Amino acid sequence: MNTRSAQGEVLAPASALVDDFRIGVAYGGLVVYHHVMFDQHQIVIANGAASESFHPGDGALGTLDGQERETLFRVFPTLRSDAGAYGNASRPRLGFTETRALRHA
């Protein structure tokens, strides 16, 4: 999300952008996630759409199952004892409420 404030570009939860007019939710079907992780957090452009690489902070490690976490710890061993060792997100993160407020500003 690119804001008209001093923050410039920020990361915002997609669910907070839903307005059922321009942005909606598509229900049904199977969704398969493939997490991509780099040495530091990145914004990735794929098929013309911006997305973020996996960032292990803010509880994201808890979304992985045991085998996925062990795979990640083999590649990034310092994360086992300190998830903060990965570093900051590439852009400031907004919460759901902040995003909704900006959307209506």
PDB file of N, CA and C in Angstrom:
ATOM      1  N   MET A   1       0.853  -1.160   0.000  1.00  0.00           N
ATOM      2  CA  MET A   1       0.000   0.000   0.000  1.00  0.00           C
ATOM      3  C   MET A   1       0.901   1.226   0.000  1.00  0.00           C
ATOM      4  N   ASN A   2       0.647   2.172  -0.870  1.00  0.00           N
ATOM      5  CA  ASN A   2       1.407   3.409  -0.909  1.00  0.00           C
ATOM      6  C   ASN A   2       0.525   4.500  -0.318  1.00  0.00           C
ATOM      7  N   THR A   3       0.968   5.105   0.775  1.00  0.00           N
ATOM      8  CA  THR A   3       0.154   6.100   1.468  1.00  0.00           C
ATOM      9  C   THR A   3       0.549   7.500   1.053  1.00  0.00           C
ATOM     10  N   ARG A   4      -0.332   8.435   1.313  1.00  0.00           N
ATOM     11  CA  ARG A   4      -0.036   9.838   1.032  1.00  0.00           C
ATOM     12  C   ARG A   4       0.537  10.522   2.276  1.00  0.00           C
ATOM     13  N   SER A   5       1.193   9.780   3.098  1.00  0.00           N
ATOM     14  CA  SER A   5       1.750  10.323   4.330  1.00  0.00           C
ATOM     15  C   SER A   5       3.268  10.223   4.282  1.00  0.00           C
ATOM     16  N   ALA A   6       3.878  10.628   5.371  1.00  0.00           N
ATOM     17  CA  ALA A   6       5.336  10.568   5.462  1.00  0.00           C
ATOM     18  C   ALA A   6       5.842   9.134   5.449  1.00  0.00           C
ATOM     19  N   GLN A   7       4.958   8.171   5.736  1.00  0.00           N
ATOM     20  CA  GLN A   7       5.391   6.774   5.760  1.00  0.00           C
ATOM     21  C   GLN A   7       5.704   6.238   4.374  1.00  0.00           C
ATOM     22  N   GLY A   8       5.140   6.814   3.329  1.00  0.00           N
ATOM     23  CA  GLY A   8       5.362   6.284   1.985  1.00  0.00           C
ATOM     24  C   GLY A   8       4.758   4.907   1.840  1.00  0.00           C
ATOM     25  N   GLU A   9       5.528   3.949   1.364  1.00  0.00           N
ATOM     26  CA  GLU A   9       5.030   2.584   1.200  1.00  0.00           C
ATOM     27  C   GLU A   9       4.987   1.860   2.537  1.00  0.00           C
ATOM     28  N   VAL A  10       3.903   1.128   2.757  1.00  0.00           N
ATOM     29  CA  VAL A  10       3.739   0.334   3.976  1.00  0.00           C
ATOM     30  C   VAL A  10       3.187  -1.031   3.598  1.00  0.00           C
ATOM     31  N   LEU A  11       3.344  -1.987   4.497  1.00  0.00           N
ATOM     32  CA  LEU A  11       2.719  -3.297   4.340  1.00  0.00           C
ATOM     33  C   LEU A  11       1.397  -3.259   5.084  1.00  0.00           C
ATOM     34  N   ALA A  12       0.355  -3.735   4.428  1.00  0.00           N
ATOM     35  CA  ALA A  12      -0.981  -3.690   5.006  1.00  0.00           C
ATOM     36  C   ALA A  12      -1.666  -5.035   4.792  1.00  0.00           C
ATOM     37  N   PRO A  13      -2.469  -5.470   5.754  1.00  0.00           N
ATOM     38  CA  PRO A  13      -3.181  -6.741   5.572  1.00  0.00           C
ATOM     39  C   PRO A  13      -4.232  -6.615   4.467  1.00  0.00           C
ATOM     40  N   ALA A  14      -4.196  -7.527   3.521  1.00  0.00           N
ATOM     41  CA  ALA A  14      -5.125  -7.485   2.389  1.00  0.00           C
ATOM     42  C   ALA A  14      -6.575  -7.500   2.857  1.00  0.00           C
ATOM     43  N   SER A  15      -6.853  -8.204   3.941  1.00  0.00           N
ATOM     44  CA  SER A  15      -8.232  -8.293   4.429  1.00  0.00           C
ATOM     45  C   SER A  15      -8.793  -6.924   4.809  1.00  0.00           C
ATOM     46  N   ALA A  16      -7.938  -5.984   5.169  1.00  0.00           N
ATOM     47  CA  ALA A  16      -8.395  -4.645   5.541  1.00  0.00           C
ATOM     48  C   ALA A  16      -8.714  -3.788   4.323  1.00  0.00           C
ATOM     49  N   LEU A  17      -8.333  -4.232   3.143  1.00  0.00           N
ATOM     50  CA  LEU A  17      -8.585  -3.478   1.914  1.00  0.00           C
ATOM     51  C   LEU A  17      -9.886  -3.884   1.236  1.00  0.00           C
ATOM     52  N   VAL A  18     -10.497  -4.968   1.688  1.00  0.00           N
ATOM     53  CA  VAL A  18     -11.732  -5.466   1.077  1.00  0.00           C
ATOM     54  C   VAL A  18     -12.840  -4.437   1.248  1.00  0.00           C
ATOM     55  N   ASP A  19     -13.468  -4.068   0.120  1.00  0.00           N
ATOM     56  CA  ASP A  19     -14.593  -3.135   0.167  1.00  0.00           C
ATOM     57  C   ASP A  19     -15.805  -3.667  -0.599  1.00  0.00           C
ATOM     58  N   ASP A  20     -15.699  -4.868  -1.145  1.00  0.00           N
ATOM     59  CA  ASP A  20     -16.762  -5.525  -1.914  1.00  0.00           C
ATOM     60  C   ASP A  20     -17.190  -4.743  -3.148  1.00  0.00           C
ATOM     61  N   PHE A  21     -16.412  -3.753  -3.534  1.00  0.00           N
ATOM     62  CA  PHE A  21     -16.692  -3.015  -4.759  1.00  0.00           C
ATOM     63  C   PHE A  21     -15.510  -3.154  -5.706  1.00  0.00           C
ATOM     64  N   ARG A  22     -14.349  -2.688  -5.273  1.00  0.00           N
ATOM     65  CA  ARG A  22     -13.140  -2.812  -6.083  1.00  0.00           C
ATOM     66  C   ARG A  22     -12.303  -4.003  -5.666  1.00  0.00           C
ATOM     67  N   ILE A  23     -12.373  -4.328  -4.374  1.00  0.00           N
ATOM     68  CA  ILE A  23     -11.582  -5.433  -3.831  1.00  0.00           C
ATOM     69  C   ILE A  23     -12.510  -6.357  -3.072  1.00  0.00           C
ATOM     70  N   GLY A  24     -12.532  -7.621  -3.484  1.00  0.00           N
ATOM     71  CA  GLY A  24     -13.418  -8.593  -2.839  1.00  0.00           C
ATOM     72  C   GLY A  24     -12.669  -9.850  -2.456  1.00  0.00           C
ATOM     73  N   VAL A  25     -13.410 -10.787  -1.917  1.00  0.00           N
ATOM     74  CA  VAL A  25     -12.861 -12.072  -1.501  1.00  0.00           C
ATOM     75  C   VAL A  25     -13.410 -13.138  -2.436  1.00  0.00           C
ATOM     76  N   ALA A  26     -12.543 -13.977  -2.969  1.00  0.00           N
ATOM     77  CA  ALA A  26     -12.962 -15.109  -3.803  1.00  0.00           C
ATOM     78  C   ALA A  26     -12.997 -16.343  -2.913  1.00  0.00           C
ATOM     79  N   TYR A  27     -14.161 -16.940  -2.775  1.00  0.00           N
ATOM     80  CA  TYR A  27     -14.325 -18.118  -1.924  1.00  0.00           C
ATOM     81  C   TYR A  27     -14.260 -19.391  -2.751  1.00  0.00           C
ATOM     82  N   GLY A  28     -13.869 -20.470  -2.094  1.00  0.00           N
ATOM     83  CA  GLY A  28     -13.839 -21.770  -2.751  1.00  0.00           C
ATOM     84  C   GLY A  28     -12.484 -22.063  -3.355  1.00  0.00           C
ATOM     85  N   GLY A  29     -12.321 -23.281  -3.744  1.00  0.00           N
ATOM     86  CA  GLY A  29     -11.066 -23.688  -4.362  1.00  0.00           C
ATOM     87  C   GLY A  29      -9.997 -23.975  -3.331  1.00  0.00           C
ATOM     88  N   LEU A  30      -8.928 -24.517  -3.790  1.00  0.00           N
ATOM     89  CA  LEU A  30      -7.807 -24.896  -2.945  1.00  0.00           C
ATOM     90  C   LEU A  30      -6.720 -23.834  -3.032  1.00  0.00           C
ATOM     91  N   VAL A  31      -6.173 -23.462  -1.911  1.00  0.00           N
ATOM     92  CA  VAL A  31      -5.066 -22.513  -1.873  1.00  0.00           C
ATOM     93  C   VAL A  31      -3.842 -23.241  -1.340  1.00  0.00           C
ATOM     94  N   VAL A  32      -2.753 -23.155  -2.072  1.00  0.00           N
ATOM     95  CA  VAL A  32      -1.489 -23.744  -1.640  1.00  0.00           C
ATOM     96  C   VAL A  32      -0.485 -22.606  -1.502  1.00  0.00           C
ATOM     97  N   TYR A  33       0.109 -22.490  -0.331  1.00  0.00           N
ATOM     98  CA  TYR A  33       1.100 -21.449  -0.084  1.00  0.00           C
ATOM     99  C   TYR A  33       2.500 -22.000  -0.296  1.00  0.00           C
ATOM    100  N   HIS A  34       3.309 -21.221  -0.972  1.00  0.00           N
ATOM    101  CA  HIS A  34       4.731 -21.517  -1.113  1.00  0.00           C
ATOM    102  C   HIS A  34       5.461 -20.313  -0.535  1.00  0.00           C
ATOM    103  N   HIS A  35       6.071 -20.491   0.621  1.00  0.00           N
ATOM    104  CA  HIS A  35       6.789 -19.392   1.256  1.00  0.00           C
ATOM    105  C   HIS A  35       8.156 -19.237   0.599  1.00  0.00           C
ATOM    106  N   VAL A  36       8.500 -17.999   0.293  1.00  0.00           N
ATOM    107  CA  VAL A  36       9.806 -17.663  -0.257  1.00  0.00           C
ATOM    108  C   VAL A  36      10.484 -16.776   0.776  1.00  0.00           C
ATOM    109  N   MET A  37      11.712 -17.122   1.127  1.00  0.00           N
ATOM    110  CA  MET A  37      12.422 -16.364   2.151  1.00  0.00           C
ATOM    111  C   MET A  37      13.839 -16.083   1.678  1.00  0.00           C
ATOM    112  N   PHE A  38      14.284 -14.865   1.884  1.00  0.00           N
ATOM    113  CA  PHE A  38      15.620 -14.431   1.491  1.00  0.00           C
ATOM    114  C   PHE A  38      16.448 -14.125   2.741  1.00  0.00           C
ATOM    115  N   ASP A  39      17.681 -13.692   2.551  1.00  0.00           N
ATOM    116  CA  ASP A  39      18.522 -13.308   3.686  1.00  0.00           C
ATOM    117  C   ASP A  39      17.941 -12.121   4.448  1.00  0.00           C
ATOM    118  N   GLN A  40      17.140 -11.321   3.764  1.00  0.00           N
ATOM    119  CA  GLN A  40      16.406 -10.236   4.415  1.00  0.00           C
ATOM    120  C   GLN A  40      15.058 -10.103   3.722  1.00  0.00           C
ATOM    121  N   HIS A  41      14.124  -9.477   4.399  1.00  0.00           N
ATOM    122  CA  HIS A  41      12.759  -9.347   3.893  1.00  0.00           C
ATOM    123  C   HIS A  41      12.747  -8.549   2.591  1.00  0.00           C
ATOM    124  N   GLN A  42      11.940  -8.977   1.631  1.00  0.00           N
ATOM    125  CA  GLN A  42      11.896  -8.354   0.305  1.00  0.00           C
ATOM    126  C   GLN A  42      10.457  -8.172  -0.165  1.00  0.00           C
ATOM    127  N   ILE A  43      10.273  -7.203  -1.041  1.00  0.00           N
ATOM    128  CA  ILE A  43       9.037  -7.087  -1.807  1.00  0.00           C
ATOM    129  C   ILE A  43       9.338  -7.724  -3.156  1.00  0.00           C
ATOM    130  N   VAL A  44       8.502  -8.660  -3.566  1.00  0.00           N
ATOM    131  CA  VAL A  44       8.712  -9.423  -4.792  1.00  0.00           C
ATOM    132  C   VAL A  44       7.579  -9.092  -5.759  1.00  0.00           C
ATOM    133  N   ILE A  45       7.923  -8.832  -7.014  1.00  0.00           N
ATOM    134  CA  ILE A  45       6.916  -8.583  -8.046  1.00  0.00           C
ATOM    135  C   ILE A  45       6.789  -9.857  -8.874  1.00  0.00           C
ATOM    136  N   ALA A  46       5.592 -10.416  -8.909  1.00  0.00           N
ATOM    137  CA  ALA A  46       5.332 -11.634  -9.688  1.00  0.00           C
ATOM    138  C   ALA A  46       4.031 -11.450 -10.455  1.00  0.00           C
ATOM    139  N   ASN A  47       4.084 -11.654 -11.752  1.00  0.00           N
ATOM    140  CA  ASN A  47       2.913 -11.454 -12.606  1.00  0.00           C
ATOM    141  C   ASN A  47       2.298 -10.075 -12.406  1.00  0.00           C
ATOM    142  N   GLY A  48       3.146  -9.078 -12.192  1.00  0.00           N
ATOM    143  CA  GLY A  48       2.693  -7.700 -12.053  1.00  0.00           C
ATOM    144  C   GLY A  48       2.138  -7.330 -10.688  1.00  0.00           C
ATOM    145  N   ALA A  49       2.125  -8.257  -9.760  1.00  0.00           N
ATOM    146  CA  ALA A  49       1.579  -7.984  -8.427  1.00  0.00           C
ATOM    147  C   ALA A  49       2.695  -8.006  -7.388  1.00  0.00           C
ATOM    148  N   ALA A  50       2.684  -7.025  -6.508  1.00  0.00           N
ATOM    149  CA  ALA A  50       3.669  -6.977  -5.429  1.00  0.00           C
ATOM    150  C   ALA A  50       3.221  -7.878  -4.286  1.00  0.00           C
ATOM    151  N   SER A  51       4.166  -8.599  -3.738  1.00  0.00           N
ATOM    152  CA  SER A  51       3.918  -9.454  -2.583  1.00  0.00           C
ATOM    153  C   SER A  51       5.175  -9.424  -1.729  1.00  0.00           C
ATOM    154  N   GLU A  52       5.049  -9.839  -0.488  1.00  0.00           N
ATOM    155  CA  GLU A  52       6.226  -9.843   0.372  1.00  0.00           C
ATOM    156  C   GLU A  52       6.754 -11.246   0.555  1.00  0.00           C
ATOM    157  N   SER A  53       8.049 -11.337   0.743  1.00  0.00           N
ATOM    158  CA  SER A  53       8.649 -12.623   1.080  1.00  0.00           C
ATOM    159  C   SER A  53       8.264 -12.970   2.515  1.00  0.00           C
ATOM    160  N   PHE A  54       8.505 -14.212   2.895  1.00  0.00           N
ATOM    161  CA  PHE A  54       8.167 -14.647   4.251  1.00  0.00           C
ATOM    162  C   PHE A  54       9.057 -13.928   5.252  1.00  0.00           C
ATOM    163  N   HIS A  55       8.447 -13.386   6.283  1.00  0.00           N
ATOM    164  CA  HIS A  55       9.176 -12.761   7.391  1.00  0.00           C
ATOM    165  C   HIS A  55       8.789 -13.508   8.656  1.00  0.00           C
ATOM    166  N   PRO A  56       9.760 -14.057   9.387  1.00  0.00           N
ATOM    167  CA  PRO A  56       9.447 -14.928  10.519  1.00  0.00           C
ATOM    168  C   PRO A  56       8.953 -14.209  11.773  1.00  0.00           C
ATOM    169  N   GLY A  57       8.881 -12.894  11.765  1.00  0.00           N
ATOM    170  CA  GLY A  57       8.450 -12.154  12.942  1.00  0.00           C
ATOM    171  C   GLY A  57       6.942 -12.087  13.079  1.00  0.00           C
ATOM    172  N   ASP A  58       6.491 -11.346  14.103  1.00  0.00           N
ATOM    173  CA  ASP A  58       5.071 -11.105  14.359  1.00  0.00           C
ATOM    174  C   ASP A  58       4.243 -12.380  14.406  1.00  0.00           C
ATOM    175  N   GLY A  59       4.793 -13.433  14.964  1.00  0.00           N
ATOM    176  CA  GLY A  59       4.032 -14.671  15.123  1.00  0.00           C
ATOM    177  C   GLY A  59       3.976 -15.559  13.898  1.00  0.00           C
ATOM    178  N   ALA A  60       4.648 -15.179  12.825  1.00  0.00           N
ATOM    179  CA  ALA A  60       4.580 -15.969  11.588  1.00  0.00           C
ATOM    180  C   ALA A  60       5.151 -17.370  11.754  1.00  0.00           C
ATOM    181  N   LEU A  61       6.151 -17.533  12.618  1.00  0.00           N
ATOM    182  CA  LEU A  61       6.706 -18.880  12.829  1.00  0.00           C
ATOM    183  C   LEU A  61       5.636 -19.826  13.350  1.00  0.00           C
ATOM    184  N   GLY A  62       4.702 -19.298  14.121  1.00  0.00           N
ATOM    185  CA  GLY A  62       3.626 -20.114  14.663  1.00  0.00           C
ATOM    186  C   GLY A  62       2.641 -20.607  13.624  1.00  0.00           C
ATOM    187  N   THR A  63       2.671 -20.027  12.429  1.00  0.00           N
ATOM    188  CA  THR A  63       1.773 -20.476  11.359  1.00  0.00           C
ATOM    189  C   THR A  63       2.337 -21.675  10.609  1.00  0.00           C
ATOM    190  N   LEU A  64       3.607 -21.979  10.853  1.00  0.00           N
ATOM    191  CA  LEU A  64       4.249 -23.112  10.182  1.00  0.00           C
ATOM    192  C   LEU A  64       4.072 -24.368  11.018  1.00  0.00           C
ATOM    193  N   ASP A  65       3.940 -25.510  10.344  1.00  0.00           N
ATOM    194  CA  ASP A  65       3.885 -26.760  11.109  1.00  0.00           C
ATOM    195  C   ASP A  65       5.307 -27.138  11.532  1.00  0.00           C
ATOM    196  N   GLY A  66       5.434 -28.163  12.357  1.00  0.00           N
ATOM    197  CA  GLY A  66       6.729 -28.556  12.911  1.00  0.00           C
ATOM    198  C   GLY A  66       7.783 -28.841  11.868  1.00  0.00           C
ATOM    199  N   GLN A  67       7.414 -29.571  10.829  1.00  0.00           N
ATOM    200  CA  GLN A  67       8.379 -29.918   9.780  1.00  0.00           C
ATOM    201  C   GLN A  67       8.829 -28.665   9.029  1.00  0.00           C
ATOM    202  N   GLU A  68       7.893 -27.755   8.756  1.00  0.00           N
ATOM    203  CA  GLU A  68       8.252 -26.518   8.059  1.00  0.00           C
ATOM    204  C   GLU A  68       9.199 -25.666   8.909  1.00  0.00           C
ATOM    205  N   ARG A  69       8.925 -25.588  10.218  1.00  0.00           N
ATOM    206  CA  ARG A  69       9.816 -24.830  11.109  1.00  0.00           C
ATOM    207  C   ARG A  69      11.214 -25.438  11.144  1.00  0.00           C
ATOM    208  N   GLU A  70      11.288 -26.765  11.221  1.00  0.00           N
ATOM    209  CA  GLU A  70      12.603 -27.422  11.253  1.00  0.00           C
ATOM    210  C   GLU A  70      13.376 -27.174   9.963  1.00  0.00           C
ATOM    211  N   THR A  71      12.696 -27.191   8.830  1.00  0.00           N
ATOM    212  CA  THR A  71      13.344 -26.885   7.551  1.00  0.00           C
ATOM    213  C   THR A  71      13.891 -25.465   7.573  1.00  0.00           C
ATOM    214  N   LEU A  72      13.089 -24.533   8.053  1.00  0.00           N
ATOM    215  CA  LEU A  72      13.514 -23.140   8.129  1.00  0.00           C
ATOM    216  C   LEU A  72      14.719 -22.988   9.060  1.00  0.00           C
ATOM    217  N   PHE A  73      14.699 -23.672  10.205  1.00  0.00           N
ATOM    218  CA  PHE A  73      15.806 -23.575  11.162  1.00  0.00           C
ATOM    219  C   PHE A  73      17.097 -24.187  10.623  1.00  0.00           C
ATOM    220  N   ARG A  74      17.002 -25.151   9.720  1.00  0.00           N
ATOM    221  CA  ARG A  74      18.210 -25.704   9.096  1.00  0.00           C
ATOM    222  C   ARG A  74      18.884 -24.659   8.205  1.00  0.00           C
ATOM    223  N   VAL A  75      18.079 -23.847   7.537  1.00  0.00           N
ATOM    224  CA  VAL A  75      18.623 -22.828   6.640  1.00  0.00           C
ATOM    225  C   VAL A  75      19.005 -21.558   7.414  1.00  0.00           C
ATOM    226  N   PHE A  76      18.207 -21.218   8.424  1.00  0.00           N
ATOM    227  CA  PHE A  76      18.428 -20.020   9.246  1.00  0.00           C
ATOM    228  C   PHE A  76      18.521 -20.442  10.717  1.00  0.00           C
ATOM    229  N   PRO A  77      19.643 -21.065  11.137  1.00  0.00           N
ATOM    230  CA  PRO A  77      19.735 -21.641  12.486  1.00  0.00           C
ATOM    231  C   PRO A  77      19.579 -20.630  13.621  1.00  0.00           C
ATOM    232  N   THR A  78      19.961 -19.386  13.421  1.00  0.00           N
ATOM    233  CA  THR A  78      19.840 -18.401  14.505  1.00  0.00           C
ATOM    234  C   THR A  78      18.389 -18.115  14.873  1.00  0.00           C
ATOM    235  N   LEU A  79      17.459 -18.384  13.960  1.00  0.00           N
ATOM    236  CA  LEU A  79      16.043 -18.117  14.237  1.00  0.00           C
ATOM    237  C   LEU A  79      15.472 -19.058  15.289  1.00  0.00           C
ATOM    238  N   ARG A  80      16.102 -20.202  15.487  1.00  0.00           N
ATOM    239  CA  ARG A  80      15.611 -21.163  16.478  1.00  0.00           C
ATOM    240  C   ARG A  80      15.563 -20.528  17.870  1.00  0.00           C
ATOM    241  N   SER A  81      16.571 -19.734  18.198  1.00  0.00           N
ATOM    242  CA  SER A  81      16.619 -19.124  19.530  1.00  0.00           C
ATOM    243  C   SER A  81      16.206 -17.656  19.536  1.00  0.00           C
ATOM    244  N   ASP A  82      16.176 -17.022  18.358  1.00  0.00           N
ATOM    245  CA  ASP A  82      15.856 -15.596  18.305  1.00  0.00           C
ATOM    246  C   ASP A  82      15.243 -15.234  16.957  1.00  0.00           C
ATOM    247  N   ALA A  83      13.902 -15.241  16.888  1.00  0.00           N
ATOM    248  CA  ALA A  83      13.220 -14.899  15.632  1.00  0.00           C
ATOM    249  C   ALA A  83      13.522 -13.465  15.218  1.00  0.00           C
ATOM    250  N   GLY A  84      13.853 -12.607  16.179  1.00  0.00           N
ATOM    251  CA  GLY A  84      14.182 -11.222  15.869  1.00  0.00           C
ATOM    252  C   GLY A  84      15.507 -11.058  15.150  1.00  0.00           C
ATOM    253  N   ALA A  85      16.327 -12.109  15.139  1.00  0.00           N
ATOM    254  CA  ALA A  85      17.631 -12.044  14.477  1.00  0.00           C
ATOM    255  C   ALA A  85      17.500 -11.857  12.970  1.00  0.00           C
ATOM    256  N   TYR A  86      16.339 -12.139  12.423  1.00  0.00           N
ATOM    257  CA  TYR A  86      16.137 -12.011  10.975  1.00  0.00           C
ATOM    258  C   TYR A  86      16.173 -10.550  10.533  1.00  0.00           C
ATOM    259  N   GLY A  87      15.775  -9.645  11.400  1.00  0.00           N
ATOM    260  CA  GLY A  87      15.756  -8.231  11.041  1.00  0.00           C
ATOM    261  C   GLY A  87      14.344  -7.729  10.815  1.00  0.00           C
ATOM    262  N   ASN A  88      14.260  -6.463  10.498  1.00  0.00           N
ATOM    263  CA  ASN A  88      12.969  -5.798  10.323  1.00  0.00           C
ATOM    264  C   ASN A  88      12.328  -6.131   8.985  1.00  0.00           C
ATOM    265  N   ALA A  89      11.041  -5.871   8.913  1.00  0.00           N
ATOM    266  CA  ALA A  89      10.326  -5.970   7.638  1.00  0.00           C
ATOM    267  C   ALA A  89      10.852  -4.877   6.706  1.00  0.00           C
ATOM    268  N   SER A  90      10.708  -5.080   5.418  1.00  0.00           N
ATOM    269  CA  SER A  90      11.242  -4.139   4.428  1.00  0.00           C
ATOM    270  C   SER A  90      10.489  -2.812   4.398  1.00  0.00           C
ATOM    271  N   ARG A  91       9.285  -2.787   4.925  1.00  0.00           N
ATOM    272  CA  ARG A  91       8.459  -1.579   5.007  1.00  0.00           C
ATOM    273  C   ARG A  91       7.773  -1.584   6.374  1.00  0.00           C
ATOM    274  N   PRO A  92       7.352  -0.421   6.855  1.00  0.00           N
ATOM    275  CA  PRO A  92       6.566  -0.416   8.096  1.00  0.00           C
ATOM    276  C   PRO A  92       5.281  -1.223   7.898  1.00  0.00           C
ATOM    277  N   ARG A  93       4.832  -1.893   8.960  1.00  0.00           N
ATOM    278  CA  ARG A  93       3.607  -2.690   8.899  1.00  0.00           C
ATOM    279  C   ARG A  93       2.461  -1.938   9.570  1.00  0.00           C
ATOM    280  N   LEU A  94       1.319  -1.931   8.909  1.00  0.00           N
ATOM    281  CA  LEU A  94       0.107  -1.383   9.504  1.00  0.00           C
ATOM    282  C   LEU A  94      -0.771  -2.529   9.975  1.00  0.00           C
ATOM    283  N   GLY A  95      -1.525  -2.286  11.013  1.00  0.00           N
ATOM    284  CA  GLY A  95      -2.506  -3.258  11.468  1.00  0.00           C
ATOM    285  C   GLY A  95      -3.810  -3.088  10.700  1.00  0.00           C
ATOM    286  N   PHE A  96      -4.767  -3.960  10.978  1.00  0.00           N
ATOM    287  CA  PHE A  96      -6.061  -3.936  10.300  1.00  0.00           C
ATOM    288  C   PHE A  96      -6.750  -2.581  10.486  1.00  0.00           C
ATOM    289  N   THR A  97      -6.846  -2.114  11.728  1.00  0.00           N
ATOM    290  CA  THR A  97      -7.560  -0.870  12.025  1.00  0.00           C
ATOM    291  C   THR A  97      -6.882   0.329  11.377  1.00  0.00           C
ATOM    292  N   GLU A  98      -5.554   0.390  11.433  1.00  0.00           N
ATOM    293  CA  GLU A  98      -4.821   1.494  10.805  1.00  0.00           C
ATOM    294  C   GLU A  98      -5.060   1.518   9.299  1.00  0.00           C
ATOM    295  N   THR A  99      -5.050   0.344   8.682  1.00  0.00           N
ATOM    296  CA  THR A  99      -5.252   0.253   7.237  1.00  0.00           C
ATOM    297  C   THR A  99      -6.646   0.728   6.858  1.00  0.00           C
ATOM    298  N   ARG A 100      -7.662   0.272   7.602  1.00  0.00           N
ATOM    299  CA  ARG A 100      -9.041   0.703   7.326  1.00  0.00           C
ATOM    300  C   ARG A 100      -9.164   2.217   7.449  1.00  0.00           C
ATOM    301  N   ALA A 101      -8.547   2.789   8.476  1.00  0.00           N
ATOM    302  CA  ALA A 101      -8.620   4.237   8.680  1.00  0.00           C
ATOM    303  C   ALA A 101      -7.968   4.983   7.523  1.00  0.00           C
ATOM    304  N   LEU A 102      -6.821   4.522   7.057  1.00  0.00           N
ATOM    305  CA  LEU A 102      -6.154   5.160   5.920  1.00  0.00           C
ATOM    306  C   LEU A 102      -6.972   5.022   4.649  1.00  0.00           C
ATOM    307  N   ARG A 103      -7.596   3.863   4.484  1.00  0.00           N
ATOM    308  CA  ARG A 103      -8.399   3.622   3.288  1.00  0.00           C
ATOM    309  C   ARG A 103      -9.561   4.601   3.201  1.00  0.00           C
ATOM    310  N   HIS A 104     -10.096   4.989   4.335  1.00  0.00           N
ATOM    311  CA  HIS A 104     -11.258   5.883   4.354  1.00  0.00           C
ATOM    312  C   HIS A 104     -10.870   7.349   4.512  1.00  0.00           C
ATOM    313  N   ALA A 105      -9.570   7.622   4.544  1.00  0.00           N
ATOM    314  CA  ALA A 105      -9.117   9.015   4.731  1.00  0.00           C
ATOM    315  C   ALA A 105      -9.205   9.795   3.435  1.00  0.00           C
TER     316      ALA A 105
END
